[in-house]
Amino acid sequence: MINSYGISPFIRIAKRRLLTKFISKLKIKFIKMKSNTSGCRYGLKFGKKIILLFAFSLSLVLLAHSQPNVIKISKKNFINNMSIHNKPAAVVKDGSRLLFDCEDALSGKSKYYFENNISWNDPRRHGTDNPHTGPVFIEGAQPGDVLEVEIHDIRLGRFGFMQNMDKNKFVDDEQELAYLEVEAIEDYMVYNGKRMPVYPMVGGIGTAGFKEMTTGEVWENGGNIDSRLIKKDSKVLLPVFVEGALLSMGDVHAAMGDGEVFGKGVEIPAEVEVTVRVRKDLSLKRPMVINPDMIATIAADPDVNKAKELAIMDMGHFLVKYHGLSSIDASALIGFYGHLRIGQIVNPQKTLKIEIDKKYIDYFKQN
């Protein structure tokens, strides 16, 4: 059901090969020392090689122990709904490092759908849109806890696409914008022969909630959040509603503007490497993101004003409870330095967020 990924298996193979080679050389040198009158000269050379081989072998062993074991979650384990009834793709310990292998938002079938004029509500697309890899059961996670998902890396696949799902008023030829292809190459992508920067981010991430929901929806447990904040070096904080949390993720983008205004970012397959931690010291109603330099509360609702109110309220409570600010100071901080931004406006549930640079919190903690 699960398998390990990383350097450790390669180290074991290298050590076996090194040992075999070492024994062979040992036999040869020993024979030469016995048959040659100048055995001292051979012995000296042999001694030097022993030291070098021992040092190299030791360095490999140390390197193996310095690398964390990473559990790979295959994209073959995918879901289109987030539910307590989903069978876990893996059961892992608190603190595990995981590699989620994620398919693109149309399960790799985007070009086929476009060329055959298969629209988003066509029955042939049932069960293929917005797949999440997972879910993963994290031992020790209980309802009321918070699951911290630290993103170490997002490794993009080679080819991505953007598809216009919302009617565009300023483009005369709707067909021309209907399907755009890009090629991702390390830290840039190529569109229409032009080199463009990439901005890798995870669009869909969440735990199982009280009620079953599709991976295209977003509620208190996360889901199709589509926030540019969920990127490398971010920590996503998700409320836990069911035992084990049942974490899943997908819908990775090579780039996406706030709002996801055409219904898609640059949809692309990717590998997302994370560490999961169960936080018993936190209590949240909705997702949060903590980056090295900022914090953000995220809320979703069909009513944009309601989502705004929830995001502001969550930020205020977090500043009071976990940073020791008074409610007046928390309100002032949000008013002075808080930025209200749109995550996405594609889903029936619109996503909004309040972002605050961490450096401004310290000003309000001065005596």
Protein backbone atom coordinates (compact mmCIF):
# COMPACT_ATOMS: atom_id res chain seq x y z
CA MET A 1 0.00 0.00 0.00
CA ILE A 2 2.91 2.33 0.69
CA ASN A 3 6.56 2.31 -0.29
CA SER A 4 9.65 4.28 0.61
CA TYR A 5 11.31 6.77 -1.64
CA GLY A 6 14.62 8.54 -1.25
CA ILE A 7 18.31 7.79 -0.98
CA SER A 8 18.32 4.93 1.54
CA PRO A 9 17.61 2.05 -0.93
CA PHE A 10 20.36 3.31 -3.24
CA ILE A 11 22.78 3.52 -0.34
CA ARG A 12 22.11 -0.11 0.57
CA ILE A 13 22.79 -1.20 -3.01
CA ALA A 14 25.96 0.93 -3.16
CA LYS A 15 27.20 -0.55 0.11
CA ARG A 16 26.69 -4.11 -1.13
CA ARG A 17 28.53 -3.39 -4.37
CA LEU A 18 31.31 -1.62 -2.50
CA LEU A 19 31.73 -4.54 -0.10
CA THR A 20 31.89 -7.06 -2.96
CA LYS A 21 34.46 -4.96 -4.79
CA PHE A 22 36.45 -4.48 -1.60
CA ILE A 23 36.61 -8.24 -0.89
CA SER A 24 37.72 -8.97 -4.46
CA LYS A 25 40.52 -6.41 -4.22
CA LEU A 26 41.49 -7.79 -0.83
CA LYS A 27 41.96 -11.28 -2.31
CA ILE A 28 44.02 -9.96 -5.23
CA LYS A 29 46.29 -7.88 -3.01
CA PHE A 30 46.77 -10.74 -0.58
CA ILE A 31 47.85 -13.08 -3.40
CA LYS A 32 50.28 -10.46 -4.72
CA MET A 33 51.73 -9.91 -1.28
CA LYS A 34 52.36 -13.64 -0.89
CA SER A 35 53.87 -14.15 -4.34
CA ASN A 36 55.98 -10.98 -4.51
CA THR A 37 59.19 -10.50 -2.62
CA SER A 38 58.52 -6.79 -2.21
CA GLY A 39 55.45 -7.40 -0.07
CA CYS A 40 56.05 -4.27 1.99
CA ARG A 41 55.50 -2.04 -1.03
CA TYR A 42 52.22 -3.79 -1.83
CA GLY A 43 51.20 -3.71 1.81
CA LEU A 44 51.70 0.06 1.97
CA LYS A 45 49.59 0.65 -1.15
CA PHE A 46 46.98 -1.76 0.13
CA GLY A 47 46.81 0.04 3.47
CA LYS A 48 46.18 3.39 1.78
CA LYS A 49 43.36 1.89 -0.28
CA ILE A 50 41.78 0.36 2.81
CA ILE A 51 41.70 3.78 4.47
CA LEU A 52 40.19 5.44 1.38
CA LEU A 53 37.58 2.74 0.90
CA PHE A 54 36.68 2.81 4.59
CA ALA A 55 36.30 6.61 4.54
CA PHE A 56 34.10 6.45 1.43
CA SER A 57 31.93 3.70 2.90
CA LEU A 58 31.54 5.62 6.16
CA SER A 59 30.50 8.77 4.30
CA LEU A 60 27.81 6.81 2.46
CA VAL A 61 26.47 5.41 5.72
CA LEU A 62 26.38 8.86 7.33
CA LEU A 63 24.66 10.29 4.26
CA ALA A 64 22.03 7.56 4.38
CA HIS A 65 21.23 8.31 8.02
CA SER A 66 21.07 12.06 7.36
CA GLN A 67 18.36 11.67 4.72
CA PRO A 68 14.76 11.36 5.95
CA ASN A 69 12.71 8.40 4.79
CA VAL A 70 9.99 9.68 2.49
CA ILE A 71 6.76 7.74 2.00
CA LYS A 72 5.43 8.04 -1.52
CA ILE A 73 1.68 8.28 -2.06
CA SER A 74 1.02 7.17 -5.63
CA LYS A 75 -1.38 9.03 -7.92
CA LYS A 76 -3.05 5.65 -8.44
CA ASN A 77 -4.59 6.35 -5.03
CA PHE A 78 -6.90 9.19 -6.03
CA ILE A 79 -10.26 10.44 -4.82
CA ASN A 80 -12.83 12.89 -6.14
CA ASN A 81 -14.61 13.34 -2.84
CA MET A 82 -13.41 13.98 0.69
CA SER A 83 -15.16 11.61 3.04
CA ILE A 84 -14.67 9.69 6.26
CA HIS A 85 -15.61 6.58 4.26
CA ASN A 86 -12.58 6.77 1.94
CA LYS A 87 -10.08 3.95 2.43
CA PRO A 88 -6.65 5.34 3.42
CA ALA A 89 -3.93 5.08 0.80
CA ALA A 90 -1.43 4.97 3.67
CA VAL A 91 -1.30 4.97 7.45
CA VAL A 92 1.64 7.03 8.72
CA LYS A 93 3.07 8.22 12.01
CA ASP A 94 2.90 11.78 13.26
CA GLY A 95 5.93 13.64 11.88
CA SER A 96 6.21 11.54 8.71
CA ARG A 97 7.64 12.96 5.51
CA LEU A 98 5.42 12.23 2.50
CA LEU A 99 5.64 12.60 -1.26
CA PHE A 100 2.26 13.10 -2.92
CA ASP A 101 2.32 12.19 -6.61
CA CYS A 102 -0.48 14.35 -8.04
CA GLU A 103 -2.20 14.15 -11.42
CA ASP A 104 -3.36 17.35 -13.14
CA ALA A 105 -6.87 18.74 -12.63
CA LEU A 106 -8.33 16.67 -15.48
CA SER A 107 -6.55 13.40 -14.70
CA GLY A 108 -4.24 13.79 -17.69
CA LYS A 109 -7.15 13.85 -20.16
CA SER A 110 -7.38 17.59 -20.86
CA LYS A 111 -6.37 17.45 -24.53
CA TYR A 112 -8.68 14.50 -25.22
CA TYR A 113 -11.61 16.36 -23.69
CA PHE A 114 -10.84 19.49 -25.68
CA GLU A 115 -10.36 17.75 -29.02
CA ASN A 116 -13.59 15.78 -28.56
CA ASN A 117 -15.60 18.76 -27.28
CA ILE A 118 -16.37 17.07 -23.96
CA SER A 119 -17.63 19.84 -21.66
CA TRP A 120 -17.21 19.94 -17.88
CA ASN A 121 -20.76 18.62 -17.24
CA ASP A 122 -20.48 15.74 -19.73
CA PRO A 123 -21.11 12.35 -18.03
CA ARG A 124 -17.90 11.02 -19.62
CA ARG A 125 -15.94 13.32 -17.31
CA HIS A 126 -17.55 11.97 -14.17
CA GLY A 127 -14.94 10.99 -11.60
CA THR A 128 -11.97 12.55 -13.41
CA ASP A 129 -12.11 16.25 -12.49
CA ASN A 130 -9.97 17.68 -9.68
CA PRO A 131 -8.47 14.41 -8.40
CA HIS A 132 -6.74 14.42 -5.02
CA THR A 133 -4.01 11.94 -4.15
CA GLY A 134 -4.72 10.16 -0.88
CA PRO A 135 -6.18 10.13 1.64
CA VAL A 136 -3.51 9.56 4.29
CA PHE A 137 -4.39 8.50 7.83
CA ILE A 138 -2.09 10.19 10.35
CA GLU A 139 -1.78 8.30 13.62
CA GLY A 140 -2.66 10.35 16.68
CA ALA A 141 -4.82 12.90 14.84
CA GLN A 142 -8.14 13.31 16.62
CA PRO A 143 -11.15 15.59 16.12
CA GLY A 144 -10.35 19.01 17.55
CA ASP A 145 -6.64 18.80 16.69
CA VAL A 146 -4.92 20.74 13.93
CA LEU A 147 -2.89 19.07 11.19
CA GLU A 148 0.19 21.01 10.14
CA VAL A 149 1.35 20.27 6.58
CA GLU A 150 4.78 21.76 5.89
CA ILE A 151 5.55 21.96 2.16
CA HIS A 152 9.22 21.29 1.42
CA ASP A 153 9.08 21.16 -2.35
CA ILE A 154 6.76 21.17 -5.37
CA ARG A 155 8.30 19.42 -8.37
CA LEU A 156 6.35 20.17 -11.53
CA GLY A 157 5.70 17.69 -14.31
CA ARG A 158 6.69 18.50 -17.88
CA PHE A 159 3.45 19.60 -19.54
CA GLY A 160 0.55 21.71 -18.31
CA PHE A 161 -2.47 23.51 -19.70
CA MET A 162 -4.93 26.32 -19.07
CA GLN A 163 -8.53 26.01 -20.15
CA ASN A 164 -11.02 28.88 -20.25
CA MET A 165 -14.09 27.80 -18.28
CA ASP A 166 -15.64 31.26 -17.77
CA LYS A 167 -16.86 33.19 -20.80
CA ASN A 168 -14.34 35.92 -21.58
CA LYS A 169 -15.81 39.23 -22.68
CA PHE A 170 -12.78 40.82 -24.33
CA VAL A 171 -11.54 37.95 -26.51
CA ASP A 172 -13.27 37.84 -29.91
CA ASP A 173 -12.31 34.25 -30.66
CA GLU A 174 -13.39 32.19 -27.65
CA GLN A 175 -11.95 29.06 -29.26
CA GLU A 176 -8.48 30.58 -29.26
CA LEU A 177 -8.47 30.89 -25.47
CA ALA A 178 -10.24 27.57 -24.91
CA TYR A 179 -7.07 25.52 -24.48
CA LEU A 180 -3.50 26.71 -23.96
CA GLU A 181 -0.51 24.39 -23.50
CA VAL A 182 2.71 25.07 -21.61
CA GLU A 183 5.93 23.15 -21.03
CA ALA A 184 7.55 23.40 -17.60
CA ILE A 185 11.35 23.22 -17.49
CA GLU A 186 12.81 23.51 -13.97
CA ASP A 187 12.24 27.11 -12.85
CA TYR A 188 10.43 28.40 -15.94
CA MET A 189 7.77 27.40 -18.44
CA VAL A 190 7.41 27.90 -22.18
CA TYR A 191 4.15 29.26 -23.59
CA ASN A 192 3.76 30.01 -27.29
CA GLY A 193 7.55 29.90 -27.70
CA LYS A 194 8.10 32.42 -24.91
CA ARG A 195 9.91 31.77 -21.64
CA MET A 196 7.77 32.57 -18.57
CA PRO A 197 8.37 32.37 -14.80
CA VAL A 198 6.64 29.64 -12.81
CA TYR A 199 4.94 30.02 -9.44
CA PRO A 200 4.28 26.46 -8.19
CA MET A 201 1.36 26.17 -5.75
CA VAL A 202 -1.04 23.54 -4.45
CA GLY A 203 -4.64 24.35 -5.33
CA GLY A 204 -6.40 21.55 -3.46
CA ILE A 205 -5.57 20.35 0.05
CA GLY A 206 -7.72 19.29 2.96
CA THR A 207 -8.89 16.73 5.48
CA ALA A 208 -12.15 14.81 5.63
CA GLY A 209 -14.99 16.81 7.15
CA PHE A 210 -18.21 16.03 8.98
CA LYS A 211 -20.03 15.78 5.66
CA GLU A 212 -18.89 14.34 2.35
CA MET A 213 -17.85 16.91 -0.26
CA THR A 214 -16.27 16.82 -3.70
CA THR A 215 -12.64 17.84 -4.17
CA GLY A 216 -13.93 20.76 -6.24
CA GLU A 217 -15.63 22.27 -3.17
CA VAL A 218 -14.10 24.09 -0.22
CA TRP A 219 -15.33 24.29 3.37
CA GLU A 220 -13.94 24.37 6.92
CA ASN A 221 -11.77 21.31 6.28
CA GLY A 222 -10.14 22.81 3.17
CA GLY A 223 -10.57 21.41 -0.31
CA ASN A 224 -10.30 23.47 -3.48
CA ILE A 225 -8.75 26.46 -1.68
CA ASP A 226 -6.74 27.71 -4.69
CA SER A 227 -4.52 30.11 -2.75
CA ARG A 228 -1.13 31.27 -4.03
CA LEU A 229 0.06 31.13 -0.42
CA ILE A 230 0.12 27.32 -0.44
CA LYS A 231 3.60 26.98 -1.88
CA LYS A 232 7.10 25.81 -0.97
CA ASP A 233 8.15 26.68 2.61
CA SER A 234 4.53 27.21 3.68
CA LYS A 235 2.81 25.50 6.57
CA VAL A 236 -0.86 24.75 5.97
CA LEU A 237 -2.89 24.35 9.17
CA LEU A 238 -6.04 22.25 8.74
CA PRO A 239 -8.69 21.50 11.36
CA VAL A 240 -9.11 17.79 12.08
CA PHE A 241 -12.72 16.57 12.09
CA VAL A 242 -12.26 12.78 11.90
CA GLU A 243 -9.78 10.33 13.40
CA GLY A 244 -6.59 10.20 11.33
CA ALA A 245 -7.47 13.47 9.56
CA LEU A 246 -7.51 11.73 6.12
CA LEU A 247 -5.28 14.24 4.32
CA SER A 248 -5.40 14.54 0.54
CA MET A 249 -4.13 17.03 -2.03
CA GLY A 250 -3.97 17.77 -5.75
CA ASP A 251 -4.85 20.43 -8.35
CA VAL A 252 -1.29 21.77 -8.53
CA HIS A 253 -0.60 24.87 -10.65
CA ALA A 254 2.59 26.00 -12.37
CA ALA A 255 1.12 29.51 -12.11
CA MET A 256 -2.22 31.06 -11.15
CA GLY A 257 -3.35 34.59 -10.46
CA ASP A 258 -5.49 35.44 -7.43
CA GLY A 259 -9.10 34.61 -8.21
CA GLU A 260 -8.38 31.91 -10.81
CA VAL A 261 -10.52 34.17 -13.00
CA PHE A 262 -10.80 31.89 -16.07
CA GLY A 263 -11.61 28.83 -14.00
CA LYS A 264 -8.16 27.27 -14.34
CA GLY A 265 -4.59 28.15 -13.53
CA VAL A 266 -1.75 26.42 -15.37
CA GLU A 267 -2.89 22.92 -14.44
CA ILE A 268 0.00 20.46 -14.23
CA PRO A 269 0.96 17.13 -12.63
CA ALA A 270 3.46 17.43 -9.80
CA GLU A 271 5.11 15.81 -6.81
CA VAL A 272 4.56 17.59 -3.50
CA GLU A 273 6.91 16.74 -0.62
CA VAL A 274 5.57 17.52 2.85
CA THR A 275 5.94 16.76 6.54
CA VAL A 276 2.77 16.19 8.56
CA ARG A 277 2.52 17.05 12.25
CA VAL A 278 -0.39 16.76 14.65
CA ARG A 279 -0.76 19.97 16.65
CA LYS A 280 -2.49 19.45 19.98
CA ASP A 281 -1.58 22.99 21.02
CA LEU A 282 -3.78 24.67 18.41
CA SER A 283 -7.50 24.88 17.79
CA LEU A 284 -8.89 26.25 14.51
CA LYS A 285 -12.28 26.41 12.85
CA ARG A 286 -10.93 26.91 9.33
CA PRO A 287 -7.62 26.60 7.43
CA MET A 288 -4.65 28.88 7.98
CA VAL A 289 -1.34 29.32 6.18
CA ILE A 290 1.89 30.34 7.88
CA ASN A 291 4.83 31.35 5.70
CA PRO A 292 8.29 32.44 6.89
CA ASP A 293 7.19 36.08 6.77
CA MET A 294 3.39 36.13 7.09
CA ILE A 295 0.24 34.49 8.43
CA ALA A 296 -3.14 34.17 6.75
CA THR A 297 -6.61 32.98 7.68
CA ILE A 298 -8.76 31.47 4.94
CA ALA A 299 -12.55 31.22 4.75
CA ALA A 300 -15.03 30.15 2.09
CA ASP A 301 -18.72 30.79 1.60
CA PRO A 302 -21.15 31.30 -1.30
CA ASP A 303 -21.58 34.84 0.04
CA VAL A 304 -18.34 36.82 -0.43
CA ASN A 305 -19.21 39.15 2.45
CA LYS A 306 -19.75 36.19 4.77
CA ALA A 307 -16.39 34.69 3.75
CA LYS A 308 -14.74 38.06 4.44
CA GLU A 309 -16.29 38.26 7.92
CA LEU A 310 -15.18 34.72 8.78
CA ALA A 311 -11.58 35.34 7.65
CA ILE A 312 -11.38 38.57 9.69
CA MET A 313 -12.93 36.93 12.75
CA ASP A 314 -10.52 33.98 12.56
CA MET A 315 -7.51 36.29 12.30
CA GLY A 316 -8.70 38.33 15.27
CA HIS A 317 -9.19 35.25 17.45
CA PHE A 318 -5.79 33.85 16.44
CA LEU A 319 -3.99 37.09 17.33
CA VAL A 320 -5.73 37.27 20.71
CA LYS A 321 -5.36 33.60 21.67
CA TYR A 322 -1.90 32.78 20.33
CA HIS A 323 -0.11 36.14 20.24
CA GLY A 324 -1.56 37.65 23.41
CA LEU A 325 -3.02 40.79 21.83
CA SER A 326 -6.11 42.48 23.19
CA SER A 327 -9.17 42.46 20.95
CA ILE A 328 -8.68 46.21 20.37
CA ASP A 329 -5.03 45.77 19.35
CA ALA A 330 -5.89 42.78 17.17
CA SER A 331 -8.51 44.86 15.37
CA ALA A 332 -6.05 47.72 14.95
CA LEU A 333 -3.40 45.36 13.54
CA ILE A 334 -5.84 43.92 11.01
CA GLY A 335 -7.02 47.40 10.06
CA PHE A 336 -3.51 48.86 9.78
CA TYR A 337 -1.66 46.03 8.05
CA GLY A 338 -4.12 43.27 7.08
CA HIS A 339 -4.71 42.59 3.39
CA LEU A 340 -8.00 41.08 2.25
CA ARG A 341 -7.39 39.02 -0.89
CA ILE A 342 -9.39 36.69 -3.09
CA GLY A 343 -8.29 33.08 -3.36
CA GLN A 344 -10.72 31.90 -6.03
CA ILE A 345 -14.13 32.97 -7.36
CA VAL A 346 -14.72 29.89 -9.53
CA ASN A 347 -16.52 27.61 -7.09
CA PRO A 348 -19.95 28.19 -5.60
CA GLN A 349 -18.00 28.75 -2.36
CA LYS A 350 -15.74 31.78 -2.84
CA THR A 351 -12.42 31.77 -0.98
CA LEU A 352 -11.11 34.89 0.77
CA LYS A 353 -8.11 35.39 3.02
CA ILE A 354 -6.65 37.94 5.41
CA GLU A 355 -2.84 38.21 5.20
CA ILE A 356 -0.62 39.95 7.77
CA ASP A 357 3.15 40.32 7.67
CA LYS A 358 4.60 38.82 10.87
CA LYS A 359 6.87 41.80 11.51
CA TYR A 360 3.88 44.02 12.31
CA ILE A 361 2.72 41.73 15.12
CA ASP A 362 5.85 42.56 17.12
CA TYR A 363 5.02 46.27 17.12
CA PHE A 364 1.84 45.52 19.06
CA LYS A 365 3.75 43.44 21.61
CA GLN A 366 5.95 46.35 22.71
CA ASN A 367 5.73 47.35 26.37
